[in-house]
Amino acid sequence: MKKPGQELPPFVKSWKQFYVLLIGWLALLIVGFYIFTRYFE
């Protein structure tokens, strides 16, 4: 039997932290692409 957090990446302590990091990363990408497209307009 596996432990509940075994399938998570080693730097993440819980699923809540994983989702917060994922949403933060996606938001950073969206903002980055927005600034990129504004800069080269």
N, C-alpha and C. Protein backbone atom coordinates (compact mmCIF):
# COMPACT_ATOMS: atom_id res chain seq x y z
N MET A 1 0.84 -1.21 0.00
CA MET A 1 0.00 0.00 0.00
C MET A 1 0.87 1.25 0.00
N LYS A 2 0.53 2.18 -0.89
CA LYS A 2 1.32 3.40 -1.01
C LYS A 2 0.88 4.44 0.01
N LYS A 3 1.81 5.31 0.39
CA LYS A 3 1.45 6.45 1.23
C LYS A 3 0.66 7.46 0.40
N PRO A 4 -0.20 8.28 1.03
CA PRO A 4 -1.06 9.20 0.26
C PRO A 4 -0.30 10.21 -0.59
N GLY A 5 0.84 10.69 -0.11
CA GLY A 5 1.57 11.72 -0.84
C GLY A 5 2.71 11.19 -1.69
N GLN A 6 2.72 9.89 -1.95
CA GLN A 6 3.87 9.28 -2.62
C GLN A 6 3.95 9.66 -4.10
N GLU A 7 2.82 9.88 -4.75
CA GLU A 7 2.85 10.19 -6.17
C GLU A 7 3.13 11.67 -6.46
N LEU A 8 3.22 12.49 -5.41
CA LEU A 8 3.54 13.91 -5.58
C LEU A 8 5.02 14.11 -5.87
N PRO A 9 5.38 15.22 -6.55
CA PRO A 9 6.81 15.54 -6.70
C PRO A 9 7.47 15.74 -5.33
N PRO A 10 8.76 15.50 -5.23
CA PRO A 10 9.44 15.53 -3.91
C PRO A 10 9.43 16.91 -3.23
N PHE A 11 9.32 18.00 -4.00
CA PHE A 11 9.37 19.34 -3.39
C PHE A 11 8.00 19.84 -2.94
N VAL A 12 6.95 19.04 -3.11
CA VAL A 12 5.60 19.44 -2.73
C VAL A 12 5.14 18.62 -1.54
N LYS A 13 4.61 19.30 -0.51
CA LYS A 13 4.21 18.61 0.71
C LYS A 13 2.78 18.08 0.65
N SER A 14 1.88 18.77 -0.08
CA SER A 14 0.48 18.35 -0.11
C SER A 14 -0.12 18.68 -1.47
N TRP A 15 -1.32 18.12 -1.72
CA TRP A 15 -2.00 18.39 -2.99
C TRP A 15 -2.40 19.86 -3.08
N LYS A 16 -2.79 20.47 -1.95
CA LYS A 16 -3.17 21.88 -1.96
C LYS A 16 -1.99 22.75 -2.41
N GLN A 17 -0.80 22.48 -1.88
CA GLN A 17 0.39 23.22 -2.27
C GLN A 17 0.71 22.99 -3.75
N PHE A 18 0.51 21.76 -4.22
CA PHE A 18 0.74 21.44 -5.63
C PHE A 18 -0.16 22.27 -6.53
N TYR A 19 -1.45 22.36 -6.18
CA TYR A 19 -2.38 23.13 -7.00
C TYR A 19 -2.10 24.62 -6.93
N VAL A 20 -1.71 25.13 -5.78
CA VAL A 20 -1.33 26.54 -5.65
C VAL A 20 -0.13 26.85 -6.54
N LEU A 21 0.88 25.99 -6.51
CA LEU A 21 2.06 26.17 -7.37
C LEU A 21 1.69 26.10 -8.85
N LEU A 22 0.81 25.16 -9.20
CA LEU A 22 0.39 25.00 -10.59
C LEU A 22 -0.35 26.24 -11.08
N ILE A 23 -1.30 26.74 -10.30
CA ILE A 23 -2.05 27.94 -10.68
C ILE A 23 -1.13 29.16 -10.75
N GLY A 24 -0.21 29.26 -9.80
CA GLY A 24 0.75 30.36 -9.81
C GLY A 24 1.65 30.33 -11.04
N TRP A 25 2.11 29.14 -11.41
CA TRP A 25 2.96 28.97 -12.60
C TRP A 25 2.19 29.34 -13.87
N LEU A 26 0.94 28.89 -13.98
CA LEU A 26 0.13 29.22 -15.15
C LEU A 26 -0.14 30.72 -15.23
N ALA A 27 -0.42 31.35 -14.10
CA ALA A 27 -0.64 32.80 -14.08
C ALA A 27 0.63 33.54 -14.51
N LEU A 28 1.78 33.08 -14.04
CA LEU A 28 3.06 33.69 -14.43
C LEU A 28 3.28 33.57 -15.94
N LEU A 29 2.98 32.42 -16.51
CA LEU A 29 3.12 32.24 -17.95
C LEU A 29 2.18 33.16 -18.72
N ILE A 30 0.94 33.27 -18.28
CA ILE A 30 -0.02 34.13 -18.96
C ILE A 30 0.44 35.58 -18.93
N VAL A 31 0.87 36.05 -17.78
CA VAL A 31 1.36 37.43 -17.66
C VAL A 31 2.62 37.62 -18.51
N GLY A 32 3.50 36.63 -18.49
CA GLY A 32 4.72 36.72 -19.28
C GLY A 32 4.45 36.81 -20.77
N PHE A 33 3.55 35.98 -21.27
CA PHE A 33 3.20 36.04 -22.69
C PHE A 33 2.48 37.33 -23.05
N TYR A 34 1.66 37.83 -22.13
CA TYR A 34 0.97 39.10 -22.37
C TYR A 34 1.97 40.25 -22.51
N ILE A 35 2.94 40.31 -21.59
CA ILE A 35 3.98 41.35 -21.66
C ILE A 35 4.81 41.18 -22.93
N PHE A 36 5.14 39.95 -23.28
CA PHE A 36 5.91 39.66 -24.49
C PHE A 36 5.20 40.17 -25.74
N THR A 37 3.90 39.88 -25.84
CA THR A 37 3.16 40.32 -27.03
C THR A 37 2.98 41.84 -27.06
N ARG A 38 2.81 42.46 -25.90
CA ARG A 38 2.70 43.92 -25.83
C ARG A 38 4.03 44.59 -26.26
N TYR A 39 5.14 44.00 -25.83
CA TYR A 39 6.45 44.57 -26.10
C TYR A 39 6.76 44.54 -27.60
N PHE A 40 6.41 43.47 -28.29
CA PHE A 40 6.74 43.31 -29.70
C PHE A 40 5.60 43.70 -30.63
N GLU A 41 4.65 44.46 -30.12
CA GLU A 41 3.53 44.89 -30.94
C GLU A 41 3.94 45.97 -31.92
